[in-house]
Amino acid sequence: MVQNFSKGDILDVNLGNPPKEVKGHEQGMERPCIVIRSFNNLELAIVVPLTSKEPKYSLYTIVKIPKGTAGLTADSYALCHQIRTISFDRIKGKRNRLDHTEILKIHSVLIDTLEI
């Protein structure tokens, strides 16, 4: 079955379990992630992981997404400094999709983070 994902989709993704599949400060475990770009024909997606844990530090690379947005059950924080490419095999389900305003917030932070 062919899966298609789009920018702004929120997916539940297994990012791996520590200590074998996750190193240092990388995000791991099963968590929601925002699709930034999907290569459906390659079954790959570039994602930004979310966390519900409020960050200790105020970083410009973190975007708050309020509870209830696109199926999120808690206030969440997009960790734009943790961008990563995943195989579709890591995807456990799809929640919903961010609205255009939220996608633009993430997009503008990524432009600054990646200096493009």
Protein backbone atom coordinates (compact mmCIF):
# COMPACT_ATOMS: atom_id res chain seq x y z
CA MET A 1 0.00 0.00 0.00
CA VAL A 2 1.45 3.36 -1.06
CA GLN A 3 1.50 6.02 1.65
CA ASN A 4 1.53 9.71 0.86
CA PHE A 5 2.45 12.40 3.34
CA SER A 6 2.61 16.17 2.96
CA LYS A 7 4.25 19.17 4.59
CA GLY A 8 2.55 19.88 7.91
CA ASP A 9 1.30 16.35 8.59
CA ILE A 10 1.79 15.24 12.18
CA LEU A 11 2.87 11.62 12.36
CA ASP A 12 3.60 9.28 15.24
CA VAL A 13 7.16 8.12 14.58
CA ASN A 14 9.44 5.63 16.32
CA LEU A 15 12.77 7.48 16.44
CA GLY A 16 14.57 4.61 18.14
CA ASN A 17 15.31 3.45 21.65
CA PRO A 18 18.32 4.47 23.73
CA PRO A 19 21.11 3.53 24.05
CA LYS A 20 21.59 1.58 20.81
CA GLU A 21 19.51 3.65 18.38
CA VAL A 22 19.77 7.10 20.01
CA LYS A 23 22.97 8.92 20.94
CA GLY A 24 23.68 11.97 23.08
CA HIS A 25 20.92 14.59 22.97
CA GLU A 26 19.09 13.11 19.95
CA GLN A 27 15.34 12.69 20.31
CA GLY A 28 14.22 9.10 20.53
CA MET A 29 11.27 6.93 21.43
CA GLU A 30 7.85 7.06 19.75
CA ARG A 31 6.70 10.67 19.45
CA PRO A 32 4.82 13.00 17.13
CA CYS A 33 6.83 14.61 14.36
CA ILE A 34 5.97 17.28 11.80
CA VAL A 35 6.62 16.48 8.14
CA ILE A 36 8.74 19.19 6.52
CA ARG A 37 9.22 17.42 3.20
CA SER A 38 8.07 14.04 1.99
CA PHE A 39 9.66 11.98 -0.75
CA ASN A 40 6.74 9.59 -1.18
CA ASN A 41 8.30 7.68 -4.10
CA LEU A 42 11.39 6.96 -1.94
CA GLU A 43 9.35 6.32 1.23
CA LEU A 44 11.39 8.93 3.10
CA ALA A 45 10.35 12.07 4.98
CA ILE A 46 12.21 14.95 6.59
CA VAL A 47 10.65 15.61 9.99
CA VAL A 48 10.94 17.82 13.05
CA PRO A 49 10.29 15.93 16.31
CA LEU A 50 7.94 17.27 18.95
CA THR A 51 8.20 17.05 22.71
CA SER A 52 5.63 17.81 25.37
CA LYS A 53 8.36 18.60 27.90
CA GLU A 54 8.73 22.36 28.27
CA PRO A 55 12.31 23.30 27.34
CA LYS A 56 14.66 24.41 30.13
CA TYR A 57 16.19 26.99 27.82
CA SER A 58 14.60 29.57 25.55
CA LEU A 59 15.99 28.76 22.11
CA TYR A 60 14.84 30.37 18.87
CA THR A 61 14.86 26.89 17.31
CA ILE A 62 11.90 25.76 19.44
CA VAL A 63 8.34 26.54 18.34
CA LYS A 64 5.43 26.07 20.75
CA ILE A 65 2.35 24.36 19.31
CA PRO A 66 -0.73 24.58 21.56
CA LYS A 67 -2.65 21.58 22.86
CA GLY A 68 -5.51 20.60 20.56
CA THR A 69 -3.70 21.71 17.40
CA ALA A 70 -3.78 18.97 14.76
CA GLY A 71 -4.62 16.22 17.25
CA LEU A 72 -1.95 17.02 19.85
CA THR A 73 -3.06 16.09 23.37
CA ALA A 74 -0.63 18.44 25.18
CA ASP A 75 1.21 21.69 24.55
CA SER A 76 4.08 20.61 22.34
CA TYR A 77 7.37 22.06 21.22
CA ALA A 78 8.80 21.59 17.72
CA LEU A 79 12.54 21.02 18.04
CA CYS A 80 13.72 22.57 14.78
CA HIS A 81 17.37 21.89 15.69
CA GLN A 82 16.57 18.14 15.67
CA ILE A 83 15.53 17.90 11.97
CA ARG A 84 15.98 14.40 10.60
CA THR A 85 15.21 12.13 7.64
CA ILE A 86 13.22 8.99 8.42
CA SER A 87 12.05 5.92 6.55
CA PHE A 88 8.30 5.41 6.26
CA ASP A 89 8.95 2.15 8.17
CA ARG A 90 9.34 4.28 11.33
CA ILE A 91 5.84 5.81 10.97
CA LYS A 92 3.26 4.32 13.35
CA GLY A 93 0.30 6.52 12.44
CA LYS A 94 -0.95 9.90 11.29
CA ARG A 95 -2.69 12.37 13.61
CA ASN A 96 -3.70 15.38 11.55
CA ARG A 97 -2.21 18.38 9.78
CA LEU A 98 -0.99 21.76 11.00
CA ASP A 99 -2.72 24.82 9.61
CA HIS A 100 -0.88 27.14 7.24
CA THR A 101 0.04 29.65 9.99
CA GLU A 102 1.76 27.00 12.13
CA ILE A 103 3.61 25.60 9.09
CA LEU A 104 4.92 29.10 8.28
CA LYS A 105 6.22 29.52 11.86
CA ILE A 106 8.17 26.25 11.57
CA HIS A 107 9.36 27.15 8.07
CA SER A 108 10.74 30.55 9.13
CA VAL A 109 12.61 29.02 12.09
CA LEU A 110 14.11 26.33 9.82
CA ILE A 111 15.34 28.96 7.36
CA ASP A 112 17.15 30.72 10.20
CA THR A 113 18.38 27.49 11.83
CA LEU A 114 19.82 26.13 8.58
CA GLU A 115 21.04 29.57 7.45
CA ILE A 116 19.39 29.27 4.03
